C-alpha cells in the first residue's frame, strides 16, 4: 500500500512514478494499492483499476465508492529501465 507517496511531487513526474510502481508490481507479481489526491488522469495509463471514494456530506456517515471505466490502453512512453 502506498499512501499518498506522491504528495510532495508536482503533477508532471507522477505518471513516471506510477510507471515505475506498475512495472515493479507486475514483475514481482504484487498487487499495489495507491492512494492519492492527484488528478486521476495522471494514473490512467499505469493503473489496472481506479476507484474513487467520496465521504457523505449529510448527517449520516457513509462512503460512496465508484469504479471508473477501465483505463485506456497503455501508451508505452517510458522505457522499462526499472
PDB file of N, CA and C in Angstrom:
ATOM      1  N   UNK A   1       0.844  -1.154   0.000  1.00  0.00           N
ATOM      2  CA  UNK A   1       0.000   0.000   0.000  1.00  0.00           C
ATOM      3  C   UNK A   1       0.902   1.234   0.000  1.00  0.00           C
ATOM      4  N   UNK A   2       0.627   2.133  -0.927  1.00  0.00           N
ATOM      5  CA  UNK A   2       1.347   3.399  -0.999  1.00  0.00           C
ATOM      6  C   UNK A   2       0.345   4.505  -0.696  1.00  0.00           C
ATOM      7  N   UNK A   3       0.475   5.098   0.468  1.00  0.00           N
ATOM      8  CA  UNK A   3      -0.477   6.100   0.919  1.00  0.00           C
ATOM      9  C   UNK A   3       0.084   7.497   0.671  1.00  0.00           C
ATOM     10  N   UNK A   4      -0.415   8.144  -0.354  1.00  0.00           N
ATOM     11  CA  UNK A   4      -0.027   9.495  -0.749  1.00  0.00           C
ATOM     12  C   UNK A   4       1.485   9.635  -0.927  1.00  0.00           C
ATOM     13  N   UNK A   5       2.090   8.642  -1.538  1.00  0.00           N
ATOM     14  CA  UNK A   5       3.528   8.661  -1.794  1.00  0.00           C
ATOM     15  C   UNK A   5       3.932   9.788  -2.730  1.00  0.00           C
ATOM     16  N   UNK A   6       2.977  10.355  -3.436  1.00  0.00           N
ATOM     17  CA  UNK A   6       3.254  11.403  -4.413  1.00  0.00           C
ATOM     18  C   UNK A   6       2.873  12.798  -3.906  1.00  0.00           C
ATOM     19  N   UNK A   7       2.584  12.925  -2.618  1.00  0.00           N
ATOM     20  CA  UNK A   7       2.055  14.189  -2.102  1.00  0.00           C
ATOM     21  C   UNK A   7       3.050  15.342  -2.234  1.00  0.00           C
ATOM     22  N   UNK A   8       4.325  15.059  -2.258  1.00  0.00           N
ATOM     23  CA  UNK A   8       5.324  16.126  -2.364  1.00  0.00           C
ATOM     24  C   UNK A   8       5.777  16.352  -3.803  1.00  0.00           C
ATOM     25  N   UNK A   9       5.206  15.623  -4.733  1.00  0.00           N
ATOM     26  CA  UNK A   9       5.592  15.771  -6.142  1.00  0.00           C
ATOM     27  C   UNK A   9       4.691  16.755  -6.867  1.00  0.00           C
ATOM     28  N   UNK A  10       5.282  17.469  -7.805  1.00  0.00           N
ATOM     29  CA  UNK A  10       4.470  18.238  -8.753  1.00  0.00           C
ATOM     30  C   UNK A  10       3.735  17.211  -9.612  1.00  0.00           C
ATOM     31  N   UNK A  11       2.667  17.598 -10.269  1.00  0.00           N
ATOM     32  CA  UNK A  11       1.919  16.623 -11.084  1.00  0.00           C
ATOM     33  C   UNK A  11       2.720  16.014 -12.235  1.00  0.00           C
ATOM     34  N   UNK A  12       3.647  16.751 -12.855  1.00  0.00           N
ATOM     35  CA  UNK A  12       4.316  16.223 -14.049  1.00  0.00           C
ATOM     36  C   UNK A  12       5.149  14.967 -13.835  1.00  0.00           C
ATOM     37  N   UNK A  13       5.809  14.712 -12.688  1.00  0.00           N
ATOM     38  CA  UNK A  13       6.531  13.436 -12.541  1.00  0.00           C
ATOM     39  C   UNK A  13       5.678  12.266 -12.031  1.00  0.00           C
ATOM     40  N   UNK A  14       4.425  12.513 -11.687  1.00  0.00           N
ATOM     41  CA  UNK A  14       3.580  11.447 -11.132  1.00  0.00           C
ATOM     42  C   UNK A  14       3.390  10.289 -12.118  1.00  0.00           C
ATOM     43  N   UNK A  15       3.120  10.526 -13.413  1.00  0.00           N
ATOM     44  CA  UNK A  15       2.989   9.377 -14.323  1.00  0.00           C
ATOM     45  C   UNK A  15       4.248   8.508 -14.381  1.00  0.00           C
ATOM     46  N   UNK A  16       5.412   9.113 -14.312  1.00  0.00           N
ATOM     47  CA  UNK A  16       6.668   8.342 -14.331  1.00  0.00           C
ATOM     48  C   UNK A  16       6.766   7.467 -13.079  1.00  0.00           C
ATOM     49  N   UNK A  17       6.434   8.040 -11.923  1.00  0.00           N
ATOM     50  CA  UNK A  17       6.434   7.268 -10.682  1.00  0.00           C
ATOM     51  C   UNK A  17       5.457   6.103 -10.779  1.00  0.00           C
ATOM     52  N   UNK A  18       4.279   6.340 -11.309  1.00  0.00           N
ATOM     53  CA  UNK A  18       3.281   5.272 -11.431  1.00  0.00           C
ATOM     54  C   UNK A  18       3.736   4.200 -12.411  1.00  0.00           C
ATOM     55  N   UNK A  19       4.442   4.594 -13.443  1.00  0.00           N
ATOM     56  CA  UNK A  19       5.003   3.608 -14.379  1.00  0.00           C
ATOM     57  C   UNK A  19       5.995   2.701 -13.645  1.00  0.00           C
ATOM     58  N   UNK A  20       6.858   3.293 -12.829  1.00  0.00           N
ATOM     59  CA  UNK A  20       7.843   2.515 -12.076  1.00  0.00           C
ATOM     60  C   UNK A  20       7.142   1.556 -11.117  1.00  0.00           C
ATOM     61  N   UNK A  21       6.163   2.059 -10.366  1.00  0.00           N
ATOM     62  CA  UNK A  21       5.427   1.217  -9.422  1.00  0.00           C
ATOM     63  C   UNK A  21       4.717   0.086 -10.160  1.00  0.00           C
ATOM     64  N   UNK A  22       4.055   0.414 -11.257  1.00  0.00           N
ATOM     65  CA  UNK A  22       3.319  -0.594 -12.035  1.00  0.00           C
ATOM     66  C   UNK A  22       4.263  -1.658 -12.582  1.00  0.00           C
ATOM     67  N   UNK A  23       5.393  -1.255 -13.121  1.00  0.00           N
ATOM     68  CA  UNK A  23       6.351  -2.196 -13.693  1.00  0.00           C
ATOM     69  C   UNK A  23       6.908  -3.140 -12.627  1.00  0.00           C
ATOM     70  N   UNK A  24       7.299  -2.587 -11.494  1.00  0.00           N
ATOM     71  CA  UNK A  24       7.838  -3.417 -10.409  1.00  0.00           C
ATOM     72  C   UNK A  24       6.778  -4.380  -9.890  1.00  0.00           C
ATOM     73  N   UNK A  25       5.569  -3.882  -9.700  1.00  0.00           N
ATOM     74  CA  UNK A  25       4.489  -4.742  -9.192  1.00  0.00           C
ATOM     75  C   UNK A  25       4.225  -5.915 -10.129  1.00  0.00           C
ATOM     76  N   UNK A  26       4.195  -5.649 -11.433  1.00  0.00           N
ATOM     77  CA  UNK A  26       3.952  -6.736 -12.386  1.00  0.00           C
ATOM     78  C   UNK A  26       5.118  -7.718 -12.434  1.00  0.00           C
ATOM     79  N   UNK A  27       6.339  -7.204 -12.393  1.00  0.00           N
ATOM     80  CA  UNK A  27       7.494  -8.102 -12.423  1.00  0.00           C
ATOM     81  C   UNK A  27       7.558  -8.993 -11.192  1.00  0.00           C
ATOM     82  N   UNK A  28       7.180  -8.451 -10.030  1.00  0.00           N
ATOM     83  CA  UNK A  28       7.230  -9.222  -8.786  1.00  0.00           C
ATOM     84  C   UNK A  28       5.915  -9.918  -8.458  1.00  0.00           C
ATOM     85  N   UNK A  29       4.924  -9.719  -9.337  1.00  0.00           N
ATOM     86  CA  UNK A  29       3.590 -10.303  -9.147  1.00  0.00           C
ATOM     87  C   UNK A  29       2.959  -9.851  -7.824  1.00  0.00           C
ATOM     88  N   UNK A  30       3.100  -8.564  -7.547  1.00  0.00           N
ATOM     89  CA  UNK A  30       2.495  -7.941  -6.368  1.00  0.00           C
ATOM     90  C   UNK A  30       1.273  -7.158  -6.771  1.00  0.00           C
ATOM     91  N   UNK A  31       0.349  -7.025  -5.849  1.00  0.00           N
ATOM     92  CA  UNK A  31      -0.746  -6.077  -6.006  1.00  0.00           C
ATOM     93  C   UNK A  31      -0.382  -4.848  -5.192  1.00  0.00           C
ATOM     94  N   UNK A  32      -0.602  -3.680  -5.761  1.00  0.00           N
ATOM     95  CA  UNK A  32      -0.271  -2.432  -5.077  1.00  0.00           C
ATOM     96  C   UNK A  32      -1.509  -1.555  -5.045  1.00  0.00           C
ATOM     97  N   UNK A  33      -1.802  -1.050  -3.878  1.00  0.00           N
ATOM     98  CA  UNK A  33      -2.883  -0.097  -3.710  1.00  0.00           C
ATOM     99  C   UNK A  33      -2.239   1.273  -3.546  1.00  0.00           C
ATOM    100  N   UNK A  34      -2.603   2.209  -4.416  1.00  0.00           N
ATOM    101  CA  UNK A  34      -2.048   3.561  -4.377  1.00  0.00           C
ATOM    102  C   UNK A  34      -3.163   4.519  -3.985  1.00  0.00           C
ATOM    103  N   UNK A  35      -2.900   5.320  -2.962  1.00  0.00           N
ATOM    104  CA  UNK A  35      -3.850   6.335  -2.517  1.00  0.00           C
ATOM    105  C   UNK A  35      -3.252   7.689  -2.835  1.00  0.00           C
ATOM    106  N   UNK A  36      -4.034   8.544  -3.490  1.00  0.00           N
ATOM    107  CA  UNK A  36      -3.512   9.844  -3.900  1.00  0.00           C
ATOM    108  C   UNK A  36      -4.638  10.854  -4.025  1.00  0.00           C
ATOM    109  N   UNK A  37      -4.260  12.117  -3.936  1.00  0.00           N
ATOM    110  CA  UNK A  37      -5.203  13.209  -4.169  1.00  0.00           C
ATOM    111  C   UNK A  37      -4.936  13.894  -5.505  1.00  0.00           C
ATOM    112  N   UNK A  38      -3.947  13.408  -6.244  1.00  0.00           N
ATOM    113  CA  UNK A  38      -3.665  13.971  -7.565  1.00  0.00           C
ATOM    114  C   UNK A  38      -4.791  13.635  -8.539  1.00  0.00           C
ATOM    115  N   UNK A  39      -4.815  14.347  -9.640  1.00  0.00           N
ATOM    116  CA  UNK A  39      -5.816  14.134 -10.688  1.00  0.00           C
ATOM    117  C   UNK A  39      -5.727  12.703 -11.221  1.00  0.00           C
ATOM    118  N   UNK A  40      -6.866  12.082 -11.423  1.00  0.00           N
ATOM    119  CA  UNK A  40      -6.909  10.684 -11.874  1.00  0.00           C
ATOM    120  C   UNK A  40      -6.249  10.465 -13.227  1.00  0.00           C
ATOM    121  N   UNK A  41      -6.267  11.460 -14.071  1.00  0.00           N
ATOM    122  CA  UNK A  41      -5.659  11.305 -15.389  1.00  0.00           C
ATOM    123  C   UNK A  41      -4.159  11.018 -15.306  1.00  0.00           C
ATOM    124  N   UNK A  42      -3.519  11.378 -14.207  1.00  0.00           N
ATOM    125  CA  UNK A  42      -2.091  11.096 -14.045  1.00  0.00           C
ATOM    126  C   UNK A  42      -1.827   9.614 -13.811  1.00  0.00           C
ATOM    127  N   UNK A  43      -2.866   8.861 -13.466  1.00  0.00           N
ATOM    128  CA  UNK A  43      -2.711   7.441 -13.135  1.00  0.00           C
ATOM    129  C   UNK A  43      -3.258   6.506 -14.209  1.00  0.00           C
ATOM    130  N   UNK A  44      -4.108   6.994 -15.067  1.00  0.00           N
ATOM    131  CA  UNK A  44      -4.843   6.131 -16.008  1.00  0.00           C
ATOM    132  C   UNK A  44      -3.973   5.197 -16.820  1.00  0.00           C
ATOM    133  N   UNK A  45      -2.859   5.686 -17.320  1.00  0.00           N
ATOM    134  CA  UNK A  45      -2.019   4.841 -18.184  1.00  0.00           C
ATOM    135  C   UNK A  45      -1.385   3.677 -17.438  1.00  0.00           C
ATOM    136  N   UNK A  46      -1.239   3.810 -16.128  1.00  0.00           N
ATOM    137  CA  UNK A  46      -0.493   2.808 -15.371  1.00  0.00           C
ATOM    138  C   UNK A  46      -1.315   2.198 -14.254  1.00  0.00           C
ATOM    139  N   UNK A  47      -2.617   2.115 -14.472  1.00  0.00           N
ATOM    140  CA  UNK A  47      -3.487   1.520 -13.453  1.00  0.00           C
ATOM    141  C   UNK A  47      -4.303   0.397 -14.077  1.00  0.00           C
ATOM    142  N   UNK A  48      -4.442  -0.683 -13.336  1.00  0.00           N
ATOM    143  CA  UNK A  48      -5.314  -1.766 -13.782  1.00  0.00           C
ATOM    144  C   UNK A  48      -6.763  -1.461 -13.422  1.00  0.00           C
ATOM    145  N   UNK A  49      -6.952  -0.782 -12.293  1.00  0.00           N
ATOM    146  CA  UNK A  49      -8.289  -0.367 -11.847  1.00  0.00           C
ATOM    147  C   UNK A  49      -8.153   0.955 -11.108  1.00  0.00           C
ATOM    148  N   UNK A  50      -9.185   1.783 -11.219  1.00  0.00           N
ATOM    149  CA  UNK A  50      -9.214   3.040 -10.467  1.00  0.00           C
ATOM    150  C   UNK A  50     -10.564   3.149  -9.777  1.00  0.00           C
ATOM    151  N   UNK A  51     -10.523   3.429  -8.487  1.00  0.00           N
ATOM    152  CA  UNK A  51     -11.727   3.646  -7.694  1.00  0.00           C
ATOM    153  C   UNK A  51     -11.659   5.033  -7.074  1.00  0.00           C
ATOM    154  N   UNK A  52     -12.794   5.672  -6.943  1.00  0.00           N
ATOM    155  CA  UNK A  52     -12.861   6.923  -6.198  1.00  0.00           C
ATOM    156  C   UNK A  52     -13.707   6.687  -4.960  1.00  0.00           C
ATOM    157  N   UNK A  53     -13.325   7.303  -3.869  1.00  0.00           N
ATOM    158  CA  UNK A  53     -14.061   7.219  -2.613  1.00  0.00           C
ATOM    159  C   UNK A  53     -14.442   8.629  -2.201  1.00  0.00           C
ATOM    160  N   UNK A  54     -15.738   8.821  -1.916  1.00  0.00           N
ATOM    161  CA  UNK A  54     -16.228  10.140  -1.505  1.00  0.00           C
ATOM    162  C   UNK A  54     -17.027   9.982  -0.220  1.00  0.00           C
ATOM    163  N   UNK A  55     -16.668  10.761   0.809  1.00  0.00           N
ATOM    164  CA  UNK A  55     -17.471  10.716   2.035  1.00  0.00           C
ATOM    165  C   UNK A  55     -18.791  11.441   1.835  1.00  0.00           C
ATOM    166  N   UNK A  56     -19.769  11.089   2.634  1.00  0.00           N
ATOM    167  CA  UNK A  56     -21.077  11.740   2.556  1.00  0.00           C
ATOM    168  C   UNK A  56     -20.955  13.178   3.052  1.00  0.00           C
ATOM    169  N   UNK A  57     -21.905  13.988   2.663  1.00  0.00           N
ATOM    170  CA  UNK A  57     -21.898  15.377   3.124  1.00  0.00           C
ATOM    171  C   UNK A  57     -23.058  15.651   4.079  1.00  0.00           C
ATOM    172  N   UNK A  58     -23.843  14.642   4.362  1.00  0.00           N
ATOM    173  CA  UNK A  58     -25.000  14.816   5.240  1.00  0.00           C
ATOM    174  C   UNK A  58     -24.700  14.427   6.673  1.00  0.00           C
ATOM    175  N   UNK A  59     -25.754  14.272   7.426  1.00  0.00           N
ATOM    176  CA  UNK A  59     -25.622  13.927   8.851  1.00  0.00           C
ATOM    177  C   UNK A  59     -25.199  12.472   9.046  1.00  0.00           C
ATOM    178  N   UNK A  60     -25.673  11.585   8.168  1.00  0.00           N
ATOM    179  CA  UNK A  60     -25.272  10.176   8.260  1.00  0.00           C
ATOM    180  C   UNK A  60     -23.939  10.001   7.556  1.00  0.00           C
ATOM    181  N   UNK A  61     -23.080   9.193   8.154  1.00  0.00           N
ATOM    182  CA  UNK A  61     -21.771   8.975   7.544  1.00  0.00           C
ATOM    183  C   UNK A  61     -21.798   7.726   6.677  1.00  0.00           C
ATOM    184  N   UNK A  62     -21.400   7.878   5.442  1.00  0.00           N
ATOM    185  CA  UNK A  62     -21.199   6.751   4.549  1.00  0.00           C
ATOM    186  C   UNK A  62     -20.201   7.171   3.484  1.00  0.00           C
ATOM    187  N   UNK A  63     -19.684   6.207   2.779  1.00  0.00           N
ATOM    188  CA  UNK A  63     -18.701   6.470   1.727  1.00  0.00           C
ATOM    189  C   UNK A  63     -19.237   5.911   0.424  1.00  0.00           C
ATOM    190  N   UNK A  64     -19.147   6.696  -0.617  1.00  0.00           N
ATOM    191  CA  UNK A  64     -19.536   6.261  -1.951  1.00  0.00           C
ATOM    192  C   UNK A  64     -18.278   5.815  -2.689  1.00  0.00           C
ATOM    193  N   UNK A  65     -18.320   4.601  -3.226  1.00  0.00           N
ATOM    194  CA  UNK A  65     -17.193   4.055  -3.976  1.00  0.00           C
ATOM    195  C   UNK A  65     -17.635   3.884  -5.420  1.00  0.00           C
ATOM    196  N   UNK A  66     -16.867   4.457  -6.330  1.00  0.00           N
ATOM    197  CA  UNK A  66     -17.144   4.332  -7.760  1.00  0.00           C
ATOM    198  C   UNK A  66     -15.933   3.733  -8.456  1.00  0.00           C
ATOM    199  N   UNK A  67     -16.199   2.767  -9.326  1.00  0.00           N
ATOM    200  CA  UNK A  67     -15.129   2.235 -10.167  1.00  0.00           C
ATOM    201  C   UNK A  67     -15.213   2.947 -11.502  1.00  0.00           C
ATOM    202  N   UNK A  68     -14.096   3.488 -11.943  1.00  0.00           N
ATOM    203  CA  UNK A  68     -14.070   4.186 -13.214  1.00  0.00           C
ATOM    204  C   UNK A  68     -13.932   3.179 -14.347  1.00  0.00           C
ATOM    205  N   UNK A  69     -14.242   3.614 -15.540  1.00  0.00           N
ATOM    206  CA  UNK A  69     -14.078   2.755 -16.705  1.00  0.00           C
ATOM    207  C   UNK A  69     -12.643   2.255 -16.774  1.00  0.00           C
ATOM    208  N   UNK A  70     -12.444   1.081 -17.359  1.00  0.00           N
ATOM    209  CA  UNK A  70     -11.069   0.588 -17.497  1.00  0.00           C
ATOM    210  C   UNK A  70     -10.199   1.637 -18.178  1.00  0.00           C
ATOM    211  N   UNK A  71      -8.943   1.697 -17.775  1.00  0.00           N
ATOM    212  CA  UNK A  71      -8.062   2.692 -18.383  1.00  0.00           C
ATOM    213  C   UNK A  71      -7.879   2.447 -19.873  1.00  0.00           C
ATOM    214  N   UNK A  72      -7.533   3.512 -20.545  1.00  0.00           N
ATOM    215  CA  UNK A  72      -7.218   3.409 -21.966  1.00  0.00           C
ATOM    216  C   UNK A  72      -5.999   2.505 -22.114  1.00  0.00           C
ATOM    217  N   UNK A  73      -5.797   1.904 -23.291  1.00  0.00           N
ATOM    218  CA  UNK A  73      -4.587   1.089 -23.494  1.00  0.00           C
ATOM    219  C   UNK A  73      -3.338   1.904 -23.178  1.00  0.00           C
ATOM    220  N   UNK A  74      -2.380   1.233 -22.584  1.00  0.00           N
ATOM    221  CA  UNK A  74      -1.166   1.926 -22.166  1.00  0.00           C
ATOM    222  C   UNK A  74      -0.379   2.448 -23.351  1.00  0.00           C
ATOM    223  N   UNK A  75       0.087   3.667 -23.208  1.00  0.00           N
ATOM    224  CA  UNK A  75       0.988   4.282 -24.171  1.00  0.00           C
ATOM    225  C   UNK A  75       2.384   4.146 -23.583  1.00  0.00           C
ATOM    226  N   UNK A  76       3.175   3.265 -24.112  1.00  0.00           N
ATOM    227  CA  UNK A  76       4.488   2.985 -23.535  1.00  0.00           C
ATOM    228  C   UNK A  76       5.467   4.096 -23.882  1.00  0.00           C
ATOM    229  N   UNK A  77       5.287   5.229 -23.219  1.00  0.00           N
ATOM    230  CA  UNK A  77       6.172   6.369 -23.425  1.00  0.00           C
ATOM    231  C   UNK A  77       7.506   6.184 -22.727  1.00  0.00           C
ATOM    232  N   UNK A  78       7.515   5.429 -21.655  1.00  0.00           N
ATOM    233  CA  UNK A  78       8.705   5.292 -20.838  1.00  0.00           C
ATOM    234  C   UNK A  78       9.382   3.975 -21.149  1.00  0.00           C
ATOM    235  N   UNK A  79      10.676   3.954 -20.963  1.00  0.00           N
ATOM    236  CA  UNK A  79      11.394   2.700 -21.151  1.00  0.00           C
ATOM    237  C   UNK A  79      11.230   1.855 -19.911  1.00  0.00           C
ATOM    238  N   UNK A  80      11.479   0.597 -20.054  1.00  0.00           N
ATOM    239  CA  UNK A  80      11.348  -0.344 -18.939  1.00  0.00           C
ATOM    240  C   UNK A  80      12.672  -0.464 -18.202  1.00  0.00           C
ATOM    241  N   UNK A  81      13.237   0.673 -17.790  1.00  0.00           N
ATOM    242  CA  UNK A  81      14.561   0.697 -17.193  1.00  0.00           C
ATOM    243  C   UNK A  81      14.522   0.659 -15.672  1.00  0.00           C
ATOM    244  N   UNK A  82      13.533  -0.025 -15.126  1.00  0.00           N
ATOM    245  CA  UNK A  82      13.390  -0.093 -13.669  1.00  0.00           C
ATOM    246  C   UNK A  82      14.254  -1.191 -13.132  1.00  0.00           C
TER     247      UNK A  82
END
